[in-house]
Amino acid sequence: MSREQWLDGALRYLRRGGGELRIDRLTRALGVTKGSFYHHFTNRAEFIDAILEHWDKTYNLSVAAELERAGDDPREKLRMLLRTIYENGLADYDLPVRAWALDNARVRRFLRRTDQWRMDVVRQQMEALGYIKEELELRTRLFVTFASLEVALYNPLPRTQLLREIDARLEMLIGQ
């Protein structure tokens, strides 16, 4: 397995409810040896850091490039954000990573940084729409929470339905 296959496999394992990320359980689930693991990673801590960086790069930071293409209209940027999340399944691992963070301080610290970045991105757009103070913070939190957890909580909705309903969701979240 390549390093990236290990990282993707670990995320899929977490998503399926694999529980605590132990190397012996993961190698069994992936059908590989511990030797393959140690070929790519020195230890579990390095592996955890690599998983989190991979998740961040693949499922979070890819959003920044999409937002740049949306131009200057904050409403369009928020629409593009939801579209990118739904089309690419970017929220698929949010709930498993959050559950993992409950028992792992390293993951918890990383998740706080990720959440802060997400809040900042959305807050900028909400500010540009004219929201201030408490309403700005409330709409920002609602948008980030909704965008990252809707798919996990209401998984039976097909992605095509989510995409068709973007404008309705956006209307509810930004009220304009």
C-alpha atoms as a PDB file:
ATOM      1  CA  MET A   1       0.000   0.000   0.000  1.00  0.00           C
ATOM      2  CA  SER A   2       1.124   3.526  -0.666  1.00  0.00           C
ATOM      3  CA  ARG A   3       1.207   6.160   2.057  1.00  0.00           C
ATOM      4  CA  GLU A   4      -1.914   7.798   0.600  1.00  0.00           C
ATOM      5  CA  GLN A   5      -3.744   4.452   0.504  1.00  0.00           C
ATOM      6  CA  TRP A   6      -2.959   4.034   4.189  1.00  0.00           C
ATOM      7  CA  LEU A   7      -4.342   7.481   4.968  1.00  0.00           C
ATOM      8  CA  ASP A   8      -7.487   6.975   2.877  1.00  0.00           C
ATOM      9  CA  GLY A   9      -7.938   3.526   4.397  1.00  0.00           C
ATOM     10  CA  ALA A  10      -7.685   4.924   7.911  1.00  0.00           C
ATOM     11  CA  LEU A  11     -10.323   7.562   7.157  1.00  0.00           C
ATOM     12  CA  ARG A  12     -12.653   4.956   5.657  1.00  0.00           C
ATOM     13  CA  TYR A  13     -12.069   2.747   8.722  1.00  0.00           C
ATOM     14  CA  LEU A  14     -13.058   5.621  11.002  1.00  0.00           C
ATOM     15  CA  ARG A  15     -16.085   6.406   8.865  1.00  0.00           C
ATOM     16  CA  ARG A  16     -17.320   2.819   9.073  1.00  0.00           C
ATOM     17  CA  GLY A  17     -17.204   3.086  12.854  1.00  0.00           C
ATOM     18  CA  GLY A  18     -13.911   1.298  13.314  1.00  0.00           C
ATOM     19  CA  GLY A  19     -13.580   2.802  16.782  1.00  0.00           C
ATOM     20  CA  GLU A  20     -10.231   3.568  18.297  1.00  0.00           C
ATOM     21  CA  LEU A  21      -7.566   3.780  15.627  1.00  0.00           C
ATOM     22  CA  ARG A  22      -5.240   0.973  16.670  1.00  0.00           C
ATOM     23  CA  ILE A  23      -2.626  -0.203  14.207  1.00  0.00           C
ATOM     24  CA  ASP A  24      -3.316  -3.915  14.738  1.00  0.00           C
ATOM     25  CA  ARG A  25      -7.065  -3.470  14.125  1.00  0.00           C
ATOM     26  CA  LEU A  26      -6.463  -1.233  11.133  1.00  0.00           C
ATOM     27  CA  THR A  27      -4.005  -3.660   9.500  1.00  0.00           C
ATOM     28  CA  ARG A  28      -6.533  -6.486   9.923  1.00  0.00           C
ATOM     29  CA  ALA A  29      -9.340  -4.344   8.483  1.00  0.00           C
ATOM     30  CA  LEU A  30      -7.202  -3.325   5.508  1.00  0.00           C
ATOM     31  CA  GLY A  31      -5.744  -6.796   5.002  1.00  0.00           C
ATOM     32  CA  VAL A  32      -2.117  -5.659   5.239  1.00  0.00           C
ATOM     33  CA  THR A  33       0.830  -6.248   7.536  1.00  0.00           C
ATOM     34  CA  LYS A  34       2.334  -4.074  10.231  1.00  0.00           C
ATOM     35  CA  GLY A  35       5.505  -4.064   8.163  1.00  0.00           C
ATOM     36  CA  SER A  36       3.674  -2.123   5.481  1.00  0.00           C
ATOM     37  CA  PHE A  37       2.600   0.387   8.101  1.00  0.00           C
ATOM     38  CA  TYR A  38       6.140   0.868   9.421  1.00  0.00           C
ATOM     39  CA  HIS A  39       7.433   1.279   5.892  1.00  0.00           C
ATOM     40  CA  HIS A  40       5.488   4.571   5.704  1.00  0.00           C
ATOM     41  CA  PHE A  41       5.178   5.712   9.331  1.00  0.00           C
ATOM     42  CA  THR A  42       7.561   5.710  12.266  1.00  0.00           C
ATOM     43  CA  ASN A  43       4.882   5.402  14.935  1.00  0.00           C
ATOM     44  CA  ARG A  44       1.195   5.918  15.722  1.00  0.00           C
ATOM     45  CA  ALA A  45       1.619   9.618  16.586  1.00  0.00           C
ATOM     46  CA  GLU A  46       3.185  10.339  13.201  1.00  0.00           C
ATOM     47  CA  PHE A  47       0.394   8.351  11.554  1.00  0.00           C
ATOM     48  CA  ILE A  48      -2.304  10.339  13.360  1.00  0.00           C
ATOM     49  CA  ASP A  49      -0.686  13.608  12.311  1.00  0.00           C
ATOM     50  CA  ALA A  50      -0.500  12.367   8.717  1.00  0.00           C
ATOM     51  CA  ILE A  51      -4.169  11.309   8.730  1.00  0.00           C
ATOM     52  CA  LEU A  52      -5.254  14.688  10.047  1.00  0.00           C
ATOM     53  CA  GLU A  53      -3.128  16.608   7.561  1.00  0.00           C
ATOM     54  CA  HIS A  54      -4.450  14.406   4.745  1.00  0.00           C
ATOM     55  CA  TRP A  55      -8.060  14.987   5.867  1.00  0.00           C
ATOM     56  CA  ASP A  56      -7.431  18.708   6.132  1.00  0.00           C
ATOM     57  CA  LYS A  57      -5.801  18.923   2.696  1.00  0.00           C
ATOM     58  CA  THR A  58      -8.258  16.661   0.919  1.00  0.00           C
ATOM     59  CA  TYR A  59     -11.515  17.585   2.609  1.00  0.00           C
ATOM     60  CA  ASN A  60     -11.047  21.126   3.884  1.00  0.00           C
ATOM     61  CA  LEU A  61      -8.428  23.177   2.108  1.00  0.00           C
ATOM     62  CA  SER A  62      -9.709  22.177  -1.315  1.00  0.00           C
ATOM     63  CA  VAL A  63     -12.647  24.453  -0.533  1.00  0.00           C
ATOM     64  CA  ALA A  64     -10.428  27.557  -0.582  1.00  0.00           C
ATOM     65  CA  ALA A  65      -9.642  27.150  -4.282  1.00  0.00           C
ATOM     66  CA  GLU A  66     -13.317  26.722  -5.122  1.00  0.00           C
ATOM     67  CA  LEU A  67     -14.230  29.870  -3.207  1.00  0.00           C
ATOM     68  CA  GLU A  68     -11.735  31.884  -5.223  1.00  0.00           C
ATOM     69  CA  ARG A  69     -13.565  30.900  -8.406  1.00  0.00           C
ATOM     70  CA  ALA A  70     -16.876  32.179  -7.024  1.00  0.00           C
ATOM     71  CA  GLY A  71     -15.876  35.824  -7.479  1.00  0.00           C
ATOM     72  CA  ASP A  72     -16.694  38.563  -4.980  1.00  0.00           C
ATOM     73  CA  ASP A  73     -20.378  37.893  -4.281  1.00  0.00           C
ATOM     74  CA  PRO A  74     -20.619  36.462  -0.719  1.00  0.00           C
ATOM     75  CA  ARG A  75     -23.923  34.722  -1.463  1.00  0.00           C
ATOM     76  CA  GLU A  76     -22.346  32.989  -4.457  1.00  0.00           C
ATOM     77  CA  LYS A  77     -19.319  32.024  -2.367  1.00  0.00           C
ATOM     78  CA  LEU A  78     -21.573  30.395   0.233  1.00  0.00           C
ATOM     79  CA  ARG A  79     -23.532  28.621  -2.526  1.00  0.00           C
ATOM     80  CA  MET A  80     -20.239  27.389  -4.006  1.00  0.00           C
ATOM     81  CA  LEU A  81     -19.145  26.226  -0.559  1.00  0.00           C
ATOM     82  CA  LEU A  82     -22.270  24.087  -0.109  1.00  0.00           C
ATOM     83  CA  ARG A  83     -22.021  22.773  -3.682  1.00  0.00           C
ATOM     84  CA  THR A  84     -18.368  21.800  -3.207  1.00  0.00           C
ATOM     85  CA  ILE A  85     -19.127  20.064   0.097  1.00  0.00           C
ATOM     86  CA  TYR A  86     -22.050  18.093  -1.376  1.00  0.00           C
ATOM     87  CA  GLU A  87     -20.496  17.229  -4.746  1.00  0.00           C
ATOM     88  CA  ASN A  88     -17.233  15.987  -3.272  1.00  0.00           C
ATOM     89  CA  GLY A  89     -18.463  14.393  -0.046  1.00  0.00           C
ATOM     90  CA  LEU A  90     -16.252  16.731   1.967  1.00  0.00           C
ATOM     91  CA  ALA A  91     -18.319  16.364   5.131  1.00  0.00           C
ATOM     92  CA  ASP A  92     -18.335  12.558   5.056  1.00  0.00           C
ATOM     93  CA  TYR A  93     -15.561  12.295   7.621  1.00  0.00           C
ATOM     94  CA  ASP A  94     -16.523  15.166   9.920  1.00  0.00           C
ATOM     95  CA  LEU A  95     -18.565  13.123  12.373  1.00  0.00           C
ATOM     96  CA  PRO A  96     -16.016  10.275  12.628  1.00  0.00           C
ATOM     97  CA  VAL A  97     -13.164  12.747  13.186  1.00  0.00           C
ATOM     98  CA  ARG A  98     -15.249  14.553  15.838  1.00  0.00           C
ATOM     99  CA  ALA A  99     -15.965  11.260  17.587  1.00  0.00           C
ATOM    100  CA  TRP A 100     -12.260  10.414  17.454  1.00  0.00           C
ATOM    101  CA  ALA A 101     -11.447  13.809  18.981  1.00  0.00           C
ATOM    102  CA  LEU A 102     -13.478  12.958  22.077  1.00  0.00           C
ATOM    103  CA  ASP A 103     -10.788  10.501  23.176  1.00  0.00           C
ATOM    104  CA  ASN A 104      -7.670  11.947  21.572  1.00  0.00           C
ATOM    105  CA  ALA A 105      -6.168  15.296  22.585  1.00  0.00           C
ATOM    106  CA  ARG A 106      -4.021  15.512  19.436  1.00  0.00           C
ATOM    107  CA  VAL A 107      -7.093  15.116  17.221  1.00  0.00           C
ATOM    108  CA  ARG A 108      -9.040  17.564  19.413  1.00  0.00           C
ATOM    109  CA  ARG A 109      -6.370  20.273  18.980  1.00  0.00           C
ATOM    110  CA  PHE A 110      -6.301  19.739  15.226  1.00  0.00           C
ATOM    111  CA  LEU A 111     -10.087  19.833  15.012  1.00  0.00           C
ATOM    112  CA  ARG A 112     -10.214  23.129  16.926  1.00  0.00           C
ATOM    113  CA  ARG A 113      -7.829  24.637  14.360  1.00  0.00           C
ATOM    114  CA  THR A 114      -9.908  23.264  11.476  1.00  0.00           C
ATOM    115  CA  ASP A 115     -13.140  24.546  12.993  1.00  0.00           C
ATOM    116  CA  GLN A 116     -11.615  27.976  13.518  1.00  0.00           C
ATOM    117  CA  TRP A 117     -10.552  28.108   9.873  1.00  0.00           C
ATOM    118  CA  ARG A 118     -14.048  27.107   8.723  1.00  0.00           C
ATOM    119  CA  MET A 119     -15.666  29.681  10.992  1.00  0.00           C
ATOM    120  CA  ASP A 120     -13.357  32.400   9.696  1.00  0.00           C
ATOM    121  CA  VAL A 121     -14.130  31.570   6.050  1.00  0.00           C
ATOM    122  CA  VAL A 122     -17.893  31.638   6.598  1.00  0.00           C
ATOM    123  CA  ARG A 123     -17.787  34.636   8.945  1.00  0.00           C
ATOM    124  CA  GLN A 124     -16.103  36.713   6.231  1.00  0.00           C
ATOM    125  CA  GLN A 125     -18.968  35.983   3.843  1.00  0.00           C
ATOM    126  CA  MET A 126     -21.650  36.628   6.469  1.00  0.00           C
ATOM    127  CA  GLU A 127     -20.002  39.953   7.306  1.00  0.00           C
ATOM    128  CA  ALA A 128     -19.978  40.863   3.623  1.00  0.00           C
ATOM    129  CA  LEU A 129     -23.728  40.171   3.589  1.00  0.00           C
ATOM    130  CA  GLY A 130     -24.117  42.776   6.329  1.00  0.00           C
ATOM    131  CA  TYR A 131     -24.555  40.673   9.440  1.00  0.00           C
ATOM    132  CA  ILE A 132     -22.986  41.998  12.635  1.00  0.00           C
ATOM    133  CA  LYS A 133     -22.464  41.067  16.273  1.00  0.00           C
ATOM    134  CA  GLU A 134     -24.639  38.263  17.653  1.00  0.00           C
ATOM    135  CA  GLU A 135     -26.466  37.569  14.393  1.00  0.00           C
ATOM    136  CA  LEU A 136     -23.130  37.303  12.563  1.00  0.00           C
ATOM    137  CA  GLU A 137     -21.841  34.724  15.034  1.00  0.00           C
ATOM    138  CA  LEU A 138     -25.113  32.791  15.154  1.00  0.00           C
ATOM    139  CA  ARG A 139     -25.449  32.541  11.360  1.00  0.00           C
ATOM    140  CA  THR A 140     -21.776  31.603  11.052  1.00  0.00           C
ATOM    141  CA  ARG A 141     -22.110  28.789  13.597  1.00  0.00           C
ATOM    142  CA  LEU A 142     -25.359  27.560  12.030  1.00  0.00           C
ATOM    143  CA  PHE A 143     -23.853  27.470   8.550  1.00  0.00           C
ATOM    144  CA  VAL A 144     -20.674  25.649   9.607  1.00  0.00           C
ATOM    145  CA  THR A 145     -22.564  23.150  11.762  1.00  0.00           C
ATOM    146  CA  PHE A 146     -25.155  22.495   9.084  1.00  0.00           C
ATOM    147  CA  ALA A 147     -22.620  22.168   6.268  1.00  0.00           C
ATOM    148  CA  SER A 148     -20.382  19.782   8.162  1.00  0.00           C
ATOM    149  CA  LEU A 149     -22.971  17.588   9.876  1.00  0.00           C
ATOM    150  CA  GLU A 150     -26.093  17.469   7.704  1.00  0.00           C
ATOM    151  CA  VAL A 151     -24.783  14.661   5.515  1.00  0.00           C
ATOM    152  CA  ALA A 152     -23.660  12.603   8.505  1.00  0.00           C
ATOM    153  CA  LEU A 153     -26.905  13.067  10.409  1.00  0.00           C
ATOM    154  CA  TYR A 154     -29.270  12.690   7.459  1.00  0.00           C
ATOM    155  CA  ASN A 155     -27.238  10.347   5.288  1.00  0.00           C
ATOM    156  CA  PRO A 156     -30.255   8.846   3.492  1.00  0.00           C
ATOM    157  CA  LEU A 157     -30.590  12.034   1.386  1.00  0.00           C
ATOM    158  CA  PRO A 158     -28.987  11.424  -2.005  1.00  0.00           C
ATOM    159  CA  ARG A 159     -26.298  13.888  -3.075  1.00  0.00           C
ATOM    160  CA  THR A 160     -28.389  14.788  -6.116  1.00  0.00           C
ATOM    161  CA  GLN A 161     -31.205  15.911  -3.826  1.00  0.00           C
ATOM    162  CA  LEU A 162     -28.777  17.927  -1.704  1.00  0.00           C
ATOM    163  CA  LEU A 163     -27.503  19.652  -4.840  1.00  0.00           C
ATOM    164  CA  ARG A 164     -31.031  20.434  -6.069  1.00  0.00           C
ATOM    165  CA  GLU A 165     -31.891  21.989  -2.722  1.00  0.00           C
ATOM    166  CA  ILE A 166     -28.804  24.195  -2.274  1.00  0.00           C
ATOM    167  CA  ASP A 167     -30.673  27.452  -2.833  1.00  0.00           C
ATOM    168  CA  ALA A 168     -33.388  26.522  -0.316  1.00  0.00           C
ATOM    169  CA  ARG A 169     -30.756  25.598   2.268  1.00  0.00           C
ATOM    170  CA  LEU A 170     -28.827  28.782   1.579  1.00  0.00           C
ATOM    171  CA  GLU A 171     -31.988  30.883   1.953  1.00  0.00           C
ATOM    172  CA  MET A 172     -32.668  29.330   5.338  1.00  0.00           C
ATOM    173  CA  LEU A 173     -29.107  29.825   6.527  1.00  0.00           C
ATOM    174  CA  ILE A 174     -28.513  33.370   5.347  1.00  0.00           C
ATOM    175  CA  GLY A 175     -32.080  34.677   5.194  1.00  0.00           C
ATOM    176  CA  GLN A 176     -31.675  36.770   2.040  1.00  0.00           C
END
